[in-house]
Amino acid sequence: MSRHPKPDTIAAADGQPLAARFFAPAGAARGAVIIAPAMGVGQEYYADFAHWLAQQGYAAITFDYRGMGHSRRGSLRGFKADIFDWARLDCGAAAEALTQRFPGVPLTWIGHSLGGQILAFFPQHARLAKAITVGTGSGYWRENVWTLKSYVWWLWYVIVPLTLPLFDYFPGRRLKKVGDLPRGVMAQWRRWCLHRDYAVGVEGEPVRRQYAAVTTPIVSLSFTDDEFMSAKNTASLHGFYTGAAKTMKRIAPRDVGARRIGHFGFFRRRFAETLWARHLLPELA
């Protein structure tokens, strides 16, 4: 079983090609897992985790949203995409490709940060046996942890308004902030983060109903030392999923014998025997 299976390409419903990798167990799959990435995070980041899932008997798919990572095709100037496209078209394509290869097994969504926020816009959410969110919360900036507030104020009120018209995309790589993002994605994310009710407050009643329509059981894994998501951010976002049974687990580094977990630590291989085996695997069974 390869830790890094060969690159593959899947197609979204609108024909957009997306880079993906399939992680298959040695025997029959016990289930299939969609790993929905965080904002600006490439699929390689989740490779060790997906490989571990395959070792436990679960098929998994990692992928890059359009305009991101290996799904990026040339310049982002003029490239049209928003967060809804990522959720509806790209995650939809990942789910279809995964279930075609591994039919008839329970399908689980594991969403990291943004990947947990966009579950409501994923068109096949009714097919999911369970959803697990990791480090997911609202991005509303006034509820961010206090150490982040000055940074995001500068990002949302100065950097983004200046760079988007100038570059026609967000040049995060050269700014060392988040990473390069399509203009529509960054503009929409900014609007959400400036509103108390995040996506619901900006997009209105139709989006509120989409969140409420999710009935898949949700397990939230959040971390006391998350440098991005506060407890308020986490509670606020999951509060939109009014139709789903929710289990909220807030984990401190000391609970797993670690000095730090943070926003990105969960998916690092060093947590395989603690966070992955102890806190995630029982939720997949």
C-alpha atoms as a PDB file:
ATOM      1  CA  MET A   1       0.000   0.000   0.000  1.00  0.00           C
ATOM      2  CA  SER A   2       1.662   3.218  -1.180  1.00  0.00           C
ATOM      3  CA  ARG A   3       1.862   6.213   1.145  1.00  0.00           C
ATOM      4  CA  HIS A   4       1.599   8.425  -1.944  1.00  0.00           C
ATOM      5  CA  PRO A   5      -0.573   6.784  -4.613  1.00  0.00           C
ATOM      6  CA  LYS A   6      -0.232   7.984  -8.191  1.00  0.00           C
ATOM      7  CA  PRO A   7      -1.843  11.314  -9.064  1.00  0.00           C
ATOM      8  CA  ASP A   8      -5.247  11.090 -10.659  1.00  0.00           C
ATOM      9  CA  THR A   9      -7.661  13.499 -12.300  1.00  0.00           C
ATOM     10  CA  ILE A  10     -11.399  13.714 -11.763  1.00  0.00           C
ATOM     11  CA  ALA A  11     -13.856  15.962 -13.567  1.00  0.00           C
ATOM     12  CA  ALA A  12     -16.421  18.258 -11.969  1.00  0.00           C
ATOM     13  CA  ALA A  13     -19.907  18.474 -13.446  1.00  0.00           C
ATOM     14  CA  ASP A  14     -18.937  21.611 -15.394  1.00  0.00           C
ATOM     15  CA  GLY A  15     -15.924  19.850 -16.920  1.00  0.00           C
ATOM     16  CA  GLN A  16     -13.281  21.420 -14.673  1.00  0.00           C
ATOM     17  CA  PRO A  17     -10.423  18.928 -14.138  1.00  0.00           C
ATOM     18  CA  LEU A  18      -9.362  18.418 -10.518  1.00  0.00           C
ATOM     19  CA  ALA A  19      -6.239  16.788  -9.148  1.00  0.00           C
ATOM     20  CA  ALA A  20      -6.962  13.926  -6.759  1.00  0.00           C
ATOM     21  CA  ARG A  21      -5.454  10.843  -5.169  1.00  0.00           C
ATOM     22  CA  PHE A  22      -7.252   7.674  -4.093  1.00  0.00           C
ATOM     23  CA  PHE A  23      -6.066   5.758  -1.041  1.00  0.00           C
ATOM     24  CA  ALA A  24      -7.282   2.160  -1.089  1.00  0.00           C
ATOM     25  CA  PRO A  25      -7.129  -0.422   1.699  1.00  0.00           C
ATOM     26  CA  ALA A  26      -5.417  -3.745   1.089  1.00  0.00           C
ATOM     27  CA  GLY A  27      -8.709  -5.647   1.332  1.00  0.00           C
ATOM     28  CA  ALA A  28     -12.380  -4.765   1.031  1.00  0.00           C
ATOM     29  CA  ALA A  29     -13.155  -1.234   2.181  1.00  0.00           C
ATOM     30  CA  ARG A  30     -15.044  -0.814   5.461  1.00  0.00           C
ATOM     31  CA  GLY A  31     -16.080   2.676   4.408  1.00  0.00           C
ATOM     32  CA  ALA A  32     -15.074   5.615   2.239  1.00  0.00           C
ATOM     33  CA  VAL A  33     -13.896   9.031   3.416  1.00  0.00           C
ATOM     34  CA  ILE A  34     -13.944  12.385   1.645  1.00  0.00           C
ATOM     35  CA  ILE A  35     -11.257  14.688   3.054  1.00  0.00           C
ATOM     36  CA  ALA A  36     -12.416  18.256   2.395  1.00  0.00           C
ATOM     37  CA  PRO A  37      -9.430  20.618   2.700  1.00  0.00           C
ATOM     38  CA  ALA A  38      -9.001  23.846   4.611  1.00  0.00           C
ATOM     39  CA  MET A  39      -8.653  27.177   2.832  1.00  0.00           C
ATOM     40  CA  GLY A  40      -5.337  27.383   1.025  1.00  0.00           C
ATOM     41  CA  VAL A  41      -4.188  23.883   2.026  1.00  0.00           C
ATOM     42  CA  GLY A  42      -3.055  21.449  -0.661  1.00  0.00           C
ATOM     43  CA  GLN A  43      -3.972  17.789  -0.712  1.00  0.00           C
ATOM     44  CA  GLU A  44      -0.412  16.652   0.115  1.00  0.00           C
ATOM     45  CA  TYR A  45      -0.971  17.892   3.648  1.00  0.00           C
ATOM     46  CA  TYR A  46      -3.552  15.147   4.198  1.00  0.00           C
ATOM     47  CA  ALA A  47      -1.591  12.298   2.558  1.00  0.00           C
ATOM     48  CA  ASP A  48      -0.250  10.722   5.758  1.00  0.00           C
ATOM     49  CA  PHE A  49      -3.706  10.816   7.309  1.00  0.00           C
ATOM     50  CA  ALA A  50      -5.356   9.319   4.218  1.00  0.00           C
ATOM     51  CA  HIS A  51      -2.707   6.577   4.100  1.00  0.00           C
ATOM     52  CA  TRP A  52      -3.402   5.777   7.748  1.00  0.00           C
ATOM     53  CA  LEU A  53      -7.135   5.585   7.022  1.00  0.00           C
ATOM     54  CA  ALA A  54      -6.392   3.046   4.286  1.00  0.00           C
ATOM     55  CA  GLN A  55      -4.356   1.007   6.767  1.00  0.00           C
ATOM     56  CA  GLN A  56      -7.439   0.926   9.003  1.00  0.00           C
ATOM     57  CA  GLY A  57      -9.562  -0.391   6.127  1.00  0.00           C
ATOM     58  CA  TYR A  58     -11.069   2.863   4.841  1.00  0.00           C
ATOM     59  CA  ALA A  59     -10.820   4.149   1.299  1.00  0.00           C
ATOM     60  CA  ALA A  60     -10.142   7.877   1.067  1.00  0.00           C
ATOM     61  CA  ILE A  61      -9.837  10.648  -1.482  1.00  0.00           C
ATOM     62  CA  THR A  62      -7.714  13.771  -1.235  1.00  0.00           C
ATOM     63  CA  PHE A  63      -8.095  16.531  -3.822  1.00  0.00           C
ATOM     64  CA  ASP A  64      -7.377  20.156  -4.585  1.00  0.00           C
ATOM     65  CA  TYR A  65     -10.164  22.655  -5.145  1.00  0.00           C
ATOM     66  CA  ARG A  66     -10.215  24.374  -8.537  1.00  0.00           C
ATOM     67  CA  GLY A  67      -7.563  27.099  -8.685  1.00  0.00           C
ATOM     68  CA  MET A  68      -5.654  25.463  -5.823  1.00  0.00           C
ATOM     69  CA  GLY A  69      -2.603  23.223  -5.649  1.00  0.00           C
ATOM     70  CA  HIS A  70      -2.344  20.719  -8.516  1.00  0.00           C
ATOM     71  CA  SER A  71      -5.829  21.672  -9.748  1.00  0.00           C
ATOM     72  CA  ARG A  72      -4.519  25.110 -10.696  1.00  0.00           C
ATOM     73  CA  ARG A  73      -4.028  25.529 -14.430  1.00  0.00           C
ATOM     74  CA  GLY A  74      -1.801  28.531 -15.105  1.00  0.00           C
ATOM     75  CA  SER A  75      -2.535  32.076 -13.975  1.00  0.00           C
ATOM     76  CA  LEU A  76      -5.436  32.840 -11.661  1.00  0.00           C
ATOM     77  CA  ARG A  77      -6.048  36.184 -13.353  1.00  0.00           C
ATOM     78  CA  GLY A  78      -9.589  36.043 -14.692  1.00  0.00           C
ATOM     79  CA  PHE A  79     -10.204  32.598 -13.221  1.00  0.00           C
ATOM     80  CA  LYS A  80     -13.814  32.347 -12.056  1.00  0.00           C
ATOM     81  CA  ALA A  81     -14.534  30.398  -8.896  1.00  0.00           C
ATOM     82  CA  ASP A  82     -16.119  30.926  -5.509  1.00  0.00           C
ATOM     83  CA  ILE A  83     -16.564  28.860  -2.360  1.00  0.00           C
ATOM     84  CA  PHE A  84     -19.902  27.525  -3.560  1.00  0.00           C
ATOM     85  CA  ASP A  85     -18.136  26.090  -6.627  1.00  0.00           C
ATOM     86  CA  TRP A  86     -15.638  24.358  -4.347  1.00  0.00           C
ATOM     87  CA  ALA A  87     -18.415  22.796  -2.265  1.00  0.00           C
ATOM     88  CA  ARG A  88     -20.992  21.988  -4.901  1.00  0.00           C
ATOM     89  CA  LEU A  89     -18.912  21.090  -7.925  1.00  0.00           C
ATOM     90  CA  ASP A  90     -15.512  20.053  -6.566  1.00  0.00           C
ATOM     91  CA  CYS A  91     -16.604  18.195  -3.445  1.00  0.00           C
ATOM     92  CA  GLY A  92     -19.474  16.763  -5.454  1.00  0.00           C
ATOM     93  CA  ALA A  93     -17.006  15.400  -8.016  1.00  0.00           C
ATOM     94  CA  ALA A  94     -14.814  13.926  -5.273  1.00  0.00           C
ATOM     95  CA  ALA A  95     -17.807  12.136  -3.755  1.00  0.00           C
ATOM     96  CA  GLU A  96     -18.947  10.732  -7.094  1.00  0.00           C
ATOM     97  CA  ALA A  97     -15.479   9.501  -8.001  1.00  0.00           C
ATOM     98  CA  LEU A  98     -14.961   7.893  -4.593  1.00  0.00           C
ATOM     99  CA  THR A  99     -18.324   6.107  -4.530  1.00  0.00           C
ATOM    100  CA  GLN A 100     -17.846   4.842  -8.086  1.00  0.00           C
ATOM    101  CA  ARG A 101     -14.586   3.188  -7.036  1.00  0.00           C
ATOM    102  CA  PHE A 102     -15.862   1.973  -3.678  1.00  0.00           C
ATOM    103  CA  PRO A 103     -19.629   1.459  -3.967  1.00  0.00           C
ATOM    104  CA  GLY A 104     -21.923   0.188  -1.284  1.00  0.00           C
ATOM    105  CA  VAL A 105     -19.936   1.268   1.778  1.00  0.00           C
ATOM    106  CA  PRO A 106     -20.727   4.048   4.283  1.00  0.00           C
ATOM    107  CA  LEU A 107     -19.532   7.485   3.175  1.00  0.00           C
ATOM    108  CA  THR A 108     -18.006   9.856   5.743  1.00  0.00           C
ATOM    109  CA  TRP A 109     -17.068  13.497   5.371  1.00  0.00           C
ATOM    110  CA  ILE A 110     -13.988  14.754   7.211  1.00  0.00           C
ATOM    111  CA  GLY A 111     -13.774  18.507   6.795  1.00  0.00           C
ATOM    112  CA  HIS A 112     -10.815  20.536   7.998  1.00  0.00           C
ATOM    113  CA  SER A 113     -11.637  24.168   8.862  1.00  0.00           C
ATOM    114  CA  LEU A 114     -13.355  25.451   5.679  1.00  0.00           C
ATOM    115  CA  GLY A 115     -14.055  21.828   4.802  1.00  0.00           C
ATOM    116  CA  GLY A 116     -16.440  21.647   7.756  1.00  0.00           C
ATOM    117  CA  GLN A 117     -18.029  25.006   6.976  1.00  0.00           C
ATOM    118  CA  ILE A 118     -19.076  24.008   3.455  1.00  0.00           C
ATOM    119  CA  LEU A 119     -20.764  20.717   4.323  1.00  0.00           C
ATOM    120  CA  ALA A 120     -24.116  22.503   3.999  1.00  0.00           C
ATOM    121  CA  PHE A 121     -23.407  23.312   0.331  1.00  0.00           C
ATOM    122  CA  PHE A 122     -22.258  19.799  -0.563  1.00  0.00           C
ATOM    123  CA  PRO A 123     -25.108  18.490  -2.750  1.00  0.00           C
ATOM    124  CA  GLN A 124     -24.850  14.851  -1.616  1.00  0.00           C
ATOM    125  CA  HIS A 125     -24.827  15.452   2.138  1.00  0.00           C
ATOM    126  CA  ALA A 126     -27.916  13.271   2.579  1.00  0.00           C
ATOM    127  CA  ARG A 127     -25.821  10.274   1.436  1.00  0.00           C
ATOM    128  CA  LEU A 128     -23.317  10.684   4.259  1.00  0.00           C
ATOM    129  CA  ALA A 129     -23.334   8.307   7.200  1.00  0.00           C
ATOM    130  CA  LYS A 130     -21.482  10.852   9.345  1.00  0.00           C
ATOM    131  CA  ALA A 131     -19.573  14.120   9.135  1.00  0.00           C
ATOM    132  CA  ILE A 132     -16.525  14.936  11.237  1.00  0.00           C
ATOM    133  CA  THR A 133     -15.298  18.510  11.396  1.00  0.00           C
ATOM    134  CA  VAL A 134     -11.746  19.287  12.488  1.00  0.00           C
ATOM    135  CA  GLY A 135     -10.792  22.778  13.634  1.00  0.00           C
ATOM    136  CA  THR A 136     -13.993  24.140  12.107  1.00  0.00           C
ATOM    137  CA  GLY A 137     -15.692  27.334  13.165  1.00  0.00           C
ATOM    138  CA  SER A 138     -17.042  30.596  11.888  1.00  0.00           C
ATOM    139  CA  GLY A 139     -14.442  32.957  10.476  1.00  0.00           C
ATOM    140  CA  TYR A 140     -16.137  36.023  11.965  1.00  0.00           C
ATOM    141  CA  TRP A 141     -13.143  38.129  12.852  1.00  0.00           C
ATOM    142  CA  ARG A 142     -14.448  39.658  16.081  1.00  0.00           C
ATOM    143  CA  GLU A 143     -14.815  36.141  17.518  1.00  0.00           C
ATOM    144  CA  ASN A 144     -11.304  35.089  16.478  1.00  0.00           C
ATOM    145  CA  VAL A 145      -8.776  34.450  19.215  1.00  0.00           C
ATOM    146  CA  TRP A 146      -7.402  37.757  20.450  1.00  0.00           C
ATOM    147  CA  THR A 147      -3.910  37.166  19.050  1.00  0.00           C
ATOM    148  CA  LEU A 148      -5.389  36.949  15.534  1.00  0.00           C
ATOM    149  CA  LYS A 149      -7.652  40.000  15.535  1.00  0.00           C
ATOM    150  CA  SER A 150      -5.083  42.644  14.574  1.00  0.00           C
ATOM    151  CA  TYR A 151      -3.755  40.392  11.804  1.00  0.00           C
ATOM    152  CA  VAL A 152      -7.164  39.729  10.248  1.00  0.00           C
ATOM    153  CA  TRP A 153      -8.238  43.377  10.591  1.00  0.00           C
ATOM    154  CA  TRP A 154      -5.224  44.306   8.472  1.00  0.00           C
ATOM    155  CA  LEU A 155      -5.971  41.443   6.060  1.00  0.00           C
ATOM    156  CA  TRP A 156      -9.664  42.196   5.553  1.00  0.00           C
ATOM    157  CA  TYR A 157      -9.605  45.990   5.586  1.00  0.00           C
ATOM    158  CA  VAL A 158      -6.283  46.753   3.914  1.00  0.00           C
ATOM    159  CA  ILE A 159      -4.493  43.892   2.152  1.00  0.00           C
ATOM    160  CA  VAL A 160      -7.399  42.173   0.406  1.00  0.00           C
ATOM    161  CA  PRO A 161      -9.148  45.364  -0.830  1.00  0.00           C
ATOM    162  CA  LEU A 162      -5.834  46.545  -2.288  1.00  0.00           C
ATOM    163  CA  THR A 163      -4.590  43.312  -3.854  1.00  0.00           C
ATOM    164  CA  LEU A 164      -7.725  41.879  -5.465  1.00  0.00           C
ATOM    165  CA  PRO A 165      -8.284  44.765  -7.920  1.00  0.00           C
ATOM    166  CA  LEU A 166      -4.552  45.015  -8.586  1.00  0.00           C
ATOM    167  CA  PHE A 167      -3.813  41.339  -9.275  1.00  0.00           C
ATOM    168  CA  ASP A 168      -7.306  39.979 -10.087  1.00  0.00           C
ATOM    169  CA  TYR A 169      -6.599  37.160  -7.616  1.00  0.00           C
ATOM    170  CA  PHE A 170      -5.200  36.977  -4.099  1.00  0.00           C
ATOM    171  CA  PRO A 171      -1.385  36.643  -4.301  1.00  0.00           C
ATOM    172  CA  GLY A 172      -1.079  34.974  -0.933  1.00  0.00           C
ATOM    173  CA  ARG A 173       2.057  33.033  -1.802  1.00  0.00           C
ATOM    174  CA  ARG A 174       4.179  36.137  -2.312  1.00  0.00           C
ATOM    175  CA  LEU A 175       2.549  37.794   0.704  1.00  0.00           C
ATOM    176  CA  LYS A 176       3.068  34.631   2.786  1.00  0.00           C
ATOM    177  CA  LYS A 177      -0.596  34.706   3.802  1.00  0.00           C
ATOM    178  CA  VAL A 178      -2.951  31.745   3.167  1.00  0.00           C
ATOM    179  CA  GLY A 179      -1.681  31.093  -0.375  1.00  0.00           C
ATOM    180  CA  ASP A 180      -2.807  32.091  -3.854  1.00  0.00           C
ATOM    181  CA  LEU A 181      -6.589  32.078  -4.154  1.00  0.00           C
ATOM    182  CA  PRO A 182      -9.073  32.872  -6.925  1.00  0.00           C
ATOM    183  CA  ARG A 183     -10.513  36.361  -6.657  1.00  0.00           C
ATOM    184  CA  GLY A 184     -14.076  35.143  -6.197  1.00  0.00           C
ATOM    185  CA  VAL A 185     -13.069  32.804  -3.369  1.00  0.00           C
ATOM    186  CA  MET A 186     -11.165  35.462  -1.441  1.00  0.00           C
ATOM    187  CA  ALA A 187     -13.787  38.164  -1.965  1.00  0.00           C
ATOM    188  CA  GLN A 188     -16.567  35.884  -0.747  1.00  0.00           C
ATOM    189  CA  TRP A 189     -14.536  34.661   2.231  1.00  0.00           C
ATOM    190  CA  ARG A 190     -13.797  38.267   3.216  1.00  0.00           C
ATOM    191  CA  ARG A 191     -17.507  39.124   3.168  1.00  0.00           C
ATOM    192  CA  TRP A 192     -18.282  36.119   5.344  1.00  0.00           C
ATOM    193  CA  CYS A 193     -15.544  36.876   7.864  1.00  0.00           C
ATOM    194  CA  LEU A 194     -16.760  40.438   8.322  1.00  0.00           C
ATOM    195  CA  HIS A 195     -20.307  39.387   9.233  1.00  0.00           C
ATOM    196  CA  ARG A 196     -21.379  38.220  12.684  1.00  0.00           C
ATOM    197  CA  ASP A 197     -23.382  35.362  11.159  1.00  0.00           C
ATOM    198  CA  TYR A 198     -20.665  34.475   8.674  1.00  0.00           C
ATOM    199  CA  ALA A 199     -21.969  32.808   5.467  1.00  0.00           C
ATOM    200  CA  VAL A 200     -25.553  32.812   6.719  1.00  0.00           C
ATOM    201  CA  GLY A 201     -25.475  36.543   7.397  1.00  0.00           C
ATOM    202  CA  VAL A 202     -24.048  37.382   3.978  1.00  0.00           C
ATOM    203  CA  GLU A 203     -25.844  34.900   1.745  1.00  0.00           C
ATOM    204  CA  GLY A 204     -29.191  35.118   3.491  1.00  0.00           C
ATOM    205  CA  GLU A 205     -32.117  32.834   4.179  1.00  0.00           C
ATOM    206  CA  PRO A 206     -31.429  30.273   1.417  1.00  0.00           C
ATOM    207  CA  VAL A 207     -28.071  29.441   3.014  1.00  0.00           C
ATOM    208  CA  ARG A 208     -29.581  29.336   6.488  1.00  0.00           C
ATOM    209  CA  ARG A 209     -32.011  26.720   5.157  1.00  0.00           C
ATOM    210  CA  GLN A 210     -29.153  24.756   3.597  1.00  0.00           C
ATOM    211  CA  TYR A 211     -27.410  24.493   6.949  1.00  0.00           C
ATOM    212  CA  ALA A 212     -30.669  23.513   8.643  1.00  0.00           C
ATOM    213  CA  ALA A 213     -31.318  20.847   5.995  1.00  0.00           C
ATOM    214  CA  VAL A 214     -28.232  18.845   6.993  1.00  0.00           C
ATOM    215  CA  THR A 215     -29.394  15.902   9.109  1.00  0.00           C
ATOM    216  CA  THR A 216     -26.168  13.894   8.991  1.00  0.00           C
ATOM    217  CA  PRO A 217     -24.770  13.378  12.517  1.00  0.00           C
ATOM    218  CA  ILE A 218     -21.813  15.701  13.057  1.00  0.00           C
ATOM    219  CA  VAL A 219     -18.839  15.227  15.363  1.00  0.00           C
ATOM    220  CA  SER A 220     -16.815  18.377  15.974  1.00  0.00           C
ATOM    221  CA  LEU A 221     -13.170  18.049  17.017  1.00  0.00           C
ATOM    222  CA  SER A 222     -11.760  21.395  18.163  1.00  0.00           C
ATOM    223  CA  PHE A 223      -8.667  22.313  20.102  1.00  0.00           C
ATOM    224  CA  THR A 224      -8.096  24.641  23.018  1.00  0.00           C
ATOM    225  CA  ASP A 225      -4.859  25.981  21.522  1.00  0.00           C
ATOM    226  CA  ASP A 226      -6.244  26.599  18.020  1.00  0.00           C
ATOM    227  CA  GLU A 227      -4.620  29.850  16.954  1.00  0.00           C
ATOM    228  CA  PHE A 228      -7.419  30.618  14.465  1.00  0.00           C
ATOM    229  CA  MET A 229     -10.678  29.242  15.857  1.00  0.00           C
ATOM    230  CA  SER A 230     -11.945  30.284  19.264  1.00  0.00           C
ATOM    231  CA  ALA A 231     -14.551  28.338  21.207  1.00  0.00           C
ATOM    232  CA  LYS A 232     -17.043  31.036  20.129  1.00  0.00           C
ATOM    233  CA  ASN A 233     -16.153  30.552  16.451  1.00  0.00           C
ATOM    234  CA  THR A 234     -16.664  26.801  16.818  1.00  0.00           C
ATOM    235  CA  ALA A 235     -20.001  27.046  18.620  1.00  0.00           C
ATOM    236  CA  SER A 236     -21.293  29.714  16.242  1.00  0.00           C
ATOM    237  CA  LEU A 237     -20.662  27.759  13.053  1.00  0.00           C
ATOM    238  CA  HIS A 238     -22.025  24.463  14.353  1.00  0.00           C
ATOM    239  CA  GLY A 239     -25.085  26.298  15.628  1.00  0.00           C
ATOM    240  CA  PHE A 240     -26.170  26.764  12.014  1.00  0.00           C
ATOM    241  CA  TYR A 241     -26.554  22.964  11.660  1.00  0.00           C
ATOM    242  CA  THR A 242     -29.856  23.009  13.526  1.00  0.00           C
ATOM    243  CA  GLY A 243     -31.171  19.784  11.951  1.00  0.00           C
ATOM    244  CA  ALA A 244     -28.188  17.598  12.800  1.00  0.00           C
ATOM    245  CA  ALA A 245     -27.337  15.724  15.969  1.00  0.00           C
ATOM    246  CA  LYS A 246     -24.001  17.169  17.098  1.00  0.00           C
ATOM    247  CA  THR A 247     -21.256  15.878  19.357  1.00  0.00           C
ATOM    248  CA  MET A 248     -18.828  18.623  20.338  1.00  0.00           C
ATOM    249  CA  LYS A 249     -15.385  17.478  21.515  1.00  0.00           C
ATOM    250  CA  ARG A 250     -12.897  20.116  22.626  1.00  0.00           C
ATOM    251  CA  ILE A 251      -9.442  18.675  23.132  1.00  0.00           C
ATOM    252  CA  ALA A 252      -6.489  20.191  24.988  1.00  0.00           C
ATOM    253  CA  PRO A 253      -2.928  19.214  24.035  1.00  0.00           C
ATOM    254  CA  ARG A 254      -2.351  17.798  27.519  1.00  0.00           C
ATOM    255  CA  ASP A 255      -5.262  15.381  26.931  1.00  0.00           C
ATOM    256  CA  VAL A 256      -3.105  13.568  24.381  1.00  0.00           C
ATOM    257  CA  GLY A 257       0.282  14.186  25.983  1.00  0.00           C
ATOM    258  CA  ALA A 258       1.267  16.911  23.526  1.00  0.00           C
ATOM    259  CA  ARG A 259       2.640  20.410  23.954  1.00  0.00           C
ATOM    260  CA  ARG A 260       0.694  21.713  20.975  1.00  0.00           C
ATOM    261  CA  ILE A 261      -2.001  20.766  18.453  1.00  0.00           C
ATOM    262  CA  GLY A 262      -3.162  24.090  17.030  1.00  0.00           C
ATOM    263  CA  HIS A 263      -5.211  24.620  13.897  1.00  0.00           C
ATOM    264  CA  PHE A 264      -3.109  22.374  11.674  1.00  0.00           C
ATOM    265  CA  GLY A 265      -1.626  19.809  14.023  1.00  0.00           C
ATOM    266  CA  PHE A 266      -4.368  17.180  13.921  1.00  0.00           C
ATOM    267  CA  PHE A 267      -3.327  15.860  10.506  1.00  0.00           C
ATOM    268  CA  ARG A 268       0.339  15.383  11.401  1.00  0.00           C
ATOM    269  CA  ARG A 269       1.563  11.797  11.597  1.00  0.00           C
ATOM    270  CA  ARG A 270       2.754  12.144  15.186  1.00  0.00           C
ATOM    271  CA  PHE A 271      -0.879  12.109  16.329  1.00  0.00           C
ATOM    272  CA  ALA A 272      -1.699   8.746  14.743  1.00  0.00           C
ATOM    273  CA  GLU A 273      -1.818   6.858  18.040  1.00  0.00           C
ATOM    274  CA  THR A 274      -3.536   9.588  20.020  1.00  0.00           C
ATOM    275  CA  LEU A 275      -5.846  11.897  18.084  1.00  0.00           C
ATOM    276  CA  TRP A 276      -6.429   9.627  15.093  1.00  0.00           C
ATOM    277  CA  ALA A 277      -6.776   6.286  16.845  1.00  0.00           C
ATOM    278  CA  ARG A 278      -8.309   7.530  20.063  1.00  0.00           C
ATOM    279  CA  HIS A 279     -10.609  10.326  18.963  1.00  0.00           C
ATOM    280  CA  LEU A 280     -11.372   9.753  15.273  1.00  0.00           C
ATOM    281  CA  LEU A 281     -11.367   6.017  14.602  1.00  0.00           C
ATOM    282  CA  PRO A 282     -14.220   5.243  17.036  1.00  0.00           C
ATOM    283  CA  GLU A 283     -16.357   7.772  15.149  1.00  0.00           C
ATOM    284  CA  LEU A 284     -15.846   5.906  11.876  1.00  0.00           C
ATOM    285  CA  ALA A 285     -16.852   2.521  13.229  1.00  0.00           C
END
